[in-house]
Amino acid sequence: MAGNFYRVACGDCENEQIVFGKAASTVSCAVCGTTLASPTGGEADIEAEVVETVEAR
């Protein structure tokens, strides 16, 4: 049950933060509150721009 961590950039405010690729809950931007990732039951639906893979497992 390994997953990847991604650095994503918010489309509204350009804030960058780390998101787990298999997020089990909705991930919001810490600055403006825009949804960055939504759970789908497996891989999360990442709605922000993926800047890089921080840690691949």
C-alpha atoms as a PDB file:
ATOM      1  CA  MET A   1       0.000   0.000   0.000  1.00  0.00           C
ATOM      2  CA  ALA A   2       2.677   2.456  -1.007  1.00  0.00           C
ATOM      3  CA  GLY A   3       1.927   5.833  -2.504  1.00  0.00           C
ATOM      4  CA  ASN A   4       3.728   8.881  -3.777  1.00  0.00           C
ATOM      5  CA  PHE A   5       3.985  12.388  -2.374  1.00  0.00           C
ATOM      6  CA  TYR A   6       3.683  15.286  -4.832  1.00  0.00           C
ATOM      7  CA  ARG A   7       4.524  18.983  -4.610  1.00  0.00           C
ATOM      8  CA  VAL A   8       1.582  20.790  -6.210  1.00  0.00           C
ATOM      9  CA  ALA A   9       1.008  24.458  -7.051  1.00  0.00           C
ATOM     10  CA  CYS A  10      -2.390  26.017  -6.400  1.00  0.00           C
ATOM     11  CA  GLY A  11      -3.913  27.421  -9.586  1.00  0.00           C
ATOM     12  CA  ASP A  12      -5.374  30.456  -7.793  1.00  0.00           C
ATOM     13  CA  CYS A  13      -2.599  31.705  -5.508  1.00  0.00           C
ATOM     14  CA  GLU A  14       0.511  29.738  -6.669  1.00  0.00           C
ATOM     15  CA  ASN A  15       1.086  28.394  -3.136  1.00  0.00           C
ATOM     16  CA  GLU A  16       3.037  25.120  -3.192  1.00  0.00           C
ATOM     17  CA  GLN A  17       2.366  22.296  -0.773  1.00  0.00           C
ATOM     18  CA  ILE A  18       2.845  18.537  -0.468  1.00  0.00           C
ATOM     19  CA  VAL A  19      -0.064  16.182  -1.240  1.00  0.00           C
ATOM     20  CA  PHE A  20      -0.236  12.401  -0.775  1.00  0.00           C
ATOM     21  CA  GLY A  21      -1.148  10.631  -4.020  1.00  0.00           C
ATOM     22  CA  LYS A  22      -3.733   8.414  -2.296  1.00  0.00           C
ATOM     23  CA  ALA A  23      -5.379  11.094  -0.151  1.00  0.00           C
ATOM     24  CA  ALA A  24      -8.405   9.753   1.746  1.00  0.00           C
ATOM     25  CA  SER A  25      -9.933  13.194   2.323  1.00  0.00           C
ATOM     26  CA  THR A  26     -10.205  16.419   0.367  1.00  0.00           C
ATOM     27  CA  VAL A  27      -6.989  18.461   0.438  1.00  0.00           C
ATOM     28  CA  SER A  28      -7.424  22.240   0.368  1.00  0.00           C
ATOM     29  CA  CYS A  29      -4.879  24.996  -0.212  1.00  0.00           C
ATOM     30  CA  ALA A  30      -3.583  26.315   3.110  1.00  0.00           C
ATOM     31  CA  VAL A  31      -3.644  29.903   1.811  1.00  0.00           C
ATOM     32  CA  CYS A  32      -6.840  30.360  -0.225  1.00  0.00           C
ATOM     33  CA  GLY A  33      -8.848  27.188   0.420  1.00  0.00           C
ATOM     34  CA  THR A  34      -9.049  25.961  -3.198  1.00  0.00           C
ATOM     35  CA  THR A  35      -9.420  22.173  -3.530  1.00  0.00           C
ATOM     36  CA  LEU A  36      -6.092  20.626  -4.558  1.00  0.00           C
ATOM     37  CA  ALA A  37      -6.978  16.917  -4.411  1.00  0.00           C
ATOM     38  CA  SER A  38     -10.152  14.871  -4.030  1.00  0.00           C
ATOM     39  CA  PRO A  39     -10.385  11.229  -2.899  1.00  0.00           C
ATOM     40  CA  THR A  40     -11.595   8.635  -5.406  1.00  0.00           C
ATOM     41  CA  GLY A  41     -11.132   5.405  -3.454  1.00  0.00           C
ATOM     42  CA  GLY A  42      -7.644   4.805  -4.882  1.00  0.00           C
ATOM     43  CA  GLU A  43      -5.348   7.384  -6.430  1.00  0.00           C
ATOM     44  CA  ALA A  44      -6.551  10.878  -5.535  1.00  0.00           C
ATOM     45  CA  ASP A  45      -7.808  13.183  -8.280  1.00  0.00           C
ATOM     46  CA  ILE A  46      -5.152  15.932  -8.154  1.00  0.00           C
ATOM     47  CA  GLU A  47      -6.739  19.133  -9.449  1.00  0.00           C
ATOM     48  CA  ALA A  48      -3.648  21.341  -9.060  1.00  0.00           C
ATOM     49  CA  GLU A  49      -0.480  21.452 -11.157  1.00  0.00           C
ATOM     50  CA  VAL A  50       2.027  18.782 -10.101  1.00  0.00           C
ATOM     51  CA  VAL A  51       5.417  20.483  -9.786  1.00  0.00           C
ATOM     52  CA  GLU A  52       7.458  17.406  -8.811  1.00  0.00           C
ATOM     53  CA  THR A  53       7.333  14.000  -7.176  1.00  0.00           C
ATOM     54  CA  VAL A  54       8.827  14.547  -3.732  1.00  0.00           C
ATOM     55  CA  GLU A  55       9.059  10.923  -2.641  1.00  0.00           C
ATOM     56  CA  ALA A  56       8.233   7.883  -4.755  1.00  0.00           C
ATOM     57  CA  ARG A  57       7.659   4.623  -2.907  1.00  0.00           C
END
